[in-house]
């Protein structure tokens, strides 16, 4: 558990340091994401982005467990 927390902390620091470059990745604006804009109302649901992130995280965890 201690090792896991240290790794998560290091990943958070790395993401924080590389945020400028991570912001250029089009996550949240992928084709298939739902975005509805009407007068006085805006709704954004990044369904495809969530699926892509889930697949990547699942693959990484599968690789790390082997």
N, C-alpha and C. Protein backbone atom coordinates (compact mmCIF):
# COMPACT_ATOMS: atom_id res chain seq x y z
N UNK A 1 0.83 -1.20 0.00
CA UNK A 1 0.00 0.00 0.00
C UNK A 1 0.87 1.26 0.00
N UNK A 2 1.95 1.23 0.77
CA UNK A 2 2.83 2.41 0.82
C UNK A 2 3.45 2.69 -0.54
N UNK A 3 3.89 1.64 -1.22
CA UNK A 3 4.49 1.81 -2.55
C UNK A 3 3.47 2.37 -3.53
N UNK A 4 2.23 1.90 -3.45
CA UNK A 4 1.17 2.39 -4.32
C UNK A 4 0.93 3.88 -4.11
N UNK A 5 0.88 4.32 -2.88
CA UNK A 5 0.66 5.74 -2.58
C UNK A 5 1.82 6.61 -3.07
N UNK A 6 3.02 6.10 -2.95
CA UNK A 6 4.19 6.84 -3.43
C UNK A 6 4.13 6.97 -4.95
N UNK A 7 3.78 5.89 -5.64
CA UNK A 7 3.68 5.94 -7.10
C UNK A 7 2.58 6.89 -7.53
N UNK A 8 1.44 6.85 -6.88
CA UNK A 8 0.34 7.77 -7.22
C UNK A 8 0.77 9.22 -6.98
N UNK A 9 1.48 9.48 -5.90
CA UNK A 9 1.97 10.83 -5.62
C UNK A 9 2.94 11.31 -6.68
N UNK A 10 3.85 10.45 -7.09
CA UNK A 10 4.81 10.82 -8.13
C UNK A 10 4.09 11.08 -9.46
N UNK A 11 3.10 10.26 -9.78
CA UNK A 11 2.33 10.48 -11.01
C UNK A 11 1.58 11.80 -10.97
N UNK A 12 1.03 12.14 -9.82
CA UNK A 12 0.34 13.43 -9.69
C UNK A 12 1.30 14.60 -9.90
N UNK A 13 2.49 14.50 -9.36
CA UNK A 13 3.48 15.56 -9.54
C UNK A 13 3.89 15.66 -11.00
N UNK A 14 4.10 14.52 -11.67
CA UNK A 14 4.49 14.54 -13.08
C UNK A 14 3.38 15.12 -13.96
N UNK A 15 2.15 14.77 -13.67
CA UNK A 15 1.03 15.33 -14.44
C UNK A 15 0.94 16.83 -14.19
N UNK A 16 1.15 17.25 -12.96
CA UNK A 16 1.11 18.68 -12.65
C UNK A 16 2.21 19.45 -13.37
N UNK A 17 3.40 18.87 -13.44
CA UNK A 17 4.50 19.54 -14.13
C UNK A 17 4.30 19.56 -15.64
N UNK A 18 3.66 18.53 -16.18
CA UNK A 18 3.46 18.46 -17.62
C UNK A 18 2.09 18.91 -18.08
N UNK A 19 1.38 19.64 -17.22
CA UNK A 19 0.01 20.04 -17.54
C UNK A 19 -0.09 20.86 -18.83
N UNK A 20 0.88 21.70 -19.08
CA UNK A 20 0.86 22.54 -20.28
C UNK A 20 0.84 21.68 -21.54
N UNK A 21 1.58 20.58 -21.53
CA UNK A 21 1.62 19.70 -22.69
C UNK A 21 0.42 18.77 -22.72
N UNK A 22 -0.06 18.35 -21.55
CA UNK A 22 -1.24 17.50 -21.50
C UNK A 22 -2.50 18.24 -21.95
N UNK A 23 -2.53 19.55 -21.79
CA UNK A 23 -3.70 20.35 -22.19
C UNK A 23 -3.85 20.37 -23.71
N UNK A 24 -2.78 20.11 -24.44
CA UNK A 24 -2.85 20.11 -25.90
C UNK A 24 -3.47 18.83 -26.46
N UNK A 25 -3.52 17.78 -25.65
CA UNK A 25 -4.14 16.52 -26.08
C UNK A 25 -5.64 16.76 -26.16
N UNK A 26 -6.28 16.32 -27.24
CA UNK A 26 -7.70 16.68 -27.45
C UNK A 26 -8.70 15.90 -26.61
N UNK A 27 -8.29 15.38 -25.45
CA UNK A 27 -9.26 14.69 -24.60
C UNK A 27 -10.31 15.67 -24.12
N UNK A 28 -11.55 15.24 -24.14
CA UNK A 28 -12.66 16.11 -23.78
C UNK A 28 -13.29 16.76 -24.99
N UNK A 29 -12.63 16.61 -26.13
CA UNK A 29 -13.14 17.17 -27.39
C UNK A 29 -13.09 16.13 -28.50
N UNK A 30 -13.18 14.87 -28.13
CA UNK A 30 -13.12 13.82 -29.13
C UNK A 30 -14.46 13.68 -29.84
N UNK A 31 -14.44 13.17 -31.07
CA UNK A 31 -15.72 12.92 -31.76
C UNK A 31 -16.53 11.90 -30.96
N UNK A 32 -17.77 12.16 -30.76
CA UNK A 32 -18.63 11.28 -29.97
C UNK A 32 -18.93 11.84 -28.60
N UNK A 33 -18.16 12.82 -28.15
CA UNK A 33 -18.47 13.49 -26.89
C UNK A 33 -19.72 14.33 -27.08
N UNK A 34 -20.57 14.31 -26.08
CA UNK A 34 -21.85 15.01 -26.17
C UNK A 34 -21.67 16.44 -25.68
N UNK A 35 -22.05 17.39 -26.51
CA UNK A 35 -21.96 18.80 -26.14
C UNK A 35 -23.20 19.51 -26.67
N UNK A 36 -24.03 19.96 -25.74
CA UNK A 36 -25.28 20.64 -26.10
C UNK A 36 -25.21 22.07 -25.58
N UNK A 37 -25.41 23.03 -26.47
CA UNK A 37 -25.40 24.45 -26.10
C UNK A 37 -26.73 25.06 -26.53
N UNK A 38 -27.44 25.60 -25.56
CA UNK A 38 -28.67 26.31 -25.85
C UNK A 38 -28.65 27.62 -25.07
N UNK A 39 -29.57 28.46 -25.33
CA UNK A 39 -29.61 29.76 -24.66
C UNK A 39 -29.74 29.57 -23.15
N UNK A 40 -28.75 30.03 -22.43
CA UNK A 40 -28.75 29.95 -20.97
C UNK A 40 -28.44 28.56 -20.44
N UNK A 41 -27.98 27.65 -21.29
CA UNK A 41 -27.73 26.27 -20.86
C UNK A 41 -26.60 25.68 -21.68
N UNK A 42 -25.70 24.99 -21.00
CA UNK A 42 -24.61 24.30 -21.67
C UNK A 42 -24.38 22.97 -20.96
N UNK A 43 -24.32 21.90 -21.73
CA UNK A 43 -24.11 20.56 -21.17
C UNK A 43 -23.01 19.87 -21.96
N UNK A 44 -22.02 19.35 -21.24
CA UNK A 44 -20.91 18.65 -21.89
C UNK A 44 -20.68 17.34 -21.16
N UNK A 45 -20.77 16.22 -21.89
CA UNK A 45 -20.51 14.91 -21.31
C UNK A 45 -19.50 14.18 -22.20
N UNK A 46 -18.27 14.06 -21.75
CA UNK A 46 -17.21 13.45 -22.58
C UNK A 46 -17.23 11.93 -22.53
N UNK A 47 -18.27 11.31 -23.10
CA UNK A 47 -18.44 9.86 -23.03
C UNK A 47 -17.31 9.10 -23.72
N UNK A 48 -16.90 9.52 -24.90
CA UNK A 48 -15.83 8.83 -25.63
C UNK A 48 -14.50 9.02 -24.92
N UNK A 49 -14.27 10.20 -24.38
CA UNK A 49 -13.05 10.45 -23.62
C UNK A 49 -12.98 9.53 -22.41
N UNK A 50 -14.09 9.36 -21.71
CA UNK A 50 -14.13 8.46 -20.55
C UNK A 50 -13.84 7.02 -20.96
N UNK A 51 -14.38 6.59 -22.10
CA UNK A 51 -14.13 5.23 -22.57
C UNK A 51 -12.66 5.04 -22.93
N UNK A 52 -12.06 6.00 -23.61
CA UNK A 52 -10.65 5.91 -24.00
C UNK A 52 -9.75 5.87 -22.76
N UNK A 53 -10.02 6.73 -21.80
CA UNK A 53 -9.22 6.75 -20.56
C UNK A 53 -9.38 5.43 -19.81
N UNK A 54 -10.59 4.89 -19.77
CA UNK A 54 -10.83 3.62 -19.10
C UNK A 54 -10.07 2.48 -19.76
N UNK A 55 -10.04 2.46 -21.08
CA UNK A 55 -9.30 1.41 -21.79
C UNK A 55 -7.81 1.52 -21.53
N UNK A 56 -7.28 2.74 -21.56
CA UNK A 56 -5.84 2.95 -21.32
C UNK A 56 -5.46 2.54 -19.90
N UNK A 57 -6.24 2.96 -18.92
CA UNK A 57 -5.94 2.62 -17.53
C UNK A 57 -6.06 1.11 -17.31
N UNK A 58 -7.08 0.49 -17.89
CA UNK A 58 -7.24 -0.96 -17.76
C UNK A 58 -6.06 -1.70 -18.38
N UNK A 59 -5.61 -1.25 -19.55
CA UNK A 59 -4.47 -1.89 -20.19
C UNK A 59 -3.20 -1.73 -19.36
N UNK A 60 -2.99 -0.54 -18.81
CA UNK A 60 -1.80 -0.32 -17.97
C UNK A 60 -1.83 -1.20 -16.73
N UNK A 61 -2.97 -1.28 -16.08
CA UNK A 61 -3.08 -2.13 -14.89
C UNK A 61 -2.89 -3.60 -15.24
N UNK A 62 -3.40 -4.03 -16.38
CA UNK A 62 -3.23 -5.41 -16.81
C UNK A 62 -1.75 -5.72 -17.07
N UNK A 63 -1.06 -4.76 -17.70
CA UNK A 63 0.37 -4.95 -17.98
C UNK A 63 1.18 -4.96 -16.69
N UNK A 64 0.85 -4.08 -15.76
CA UNK A 64 1.61 -4.00 -14.50
C UNK A 64 1.38 -5.22 -13.61
N UNK A 65 0.25 -5.86 -13.70
CA UNK A 65 -0.03 -7.04 -12.87
C UNK A 65 0.68 -8.28 -13.37
N UNK A 66 1.10 -8.31 -14.62
CA UNK A 66 1.75 -9.50 -15.19
C UNK A 66 3.14 -9.60 -14.74
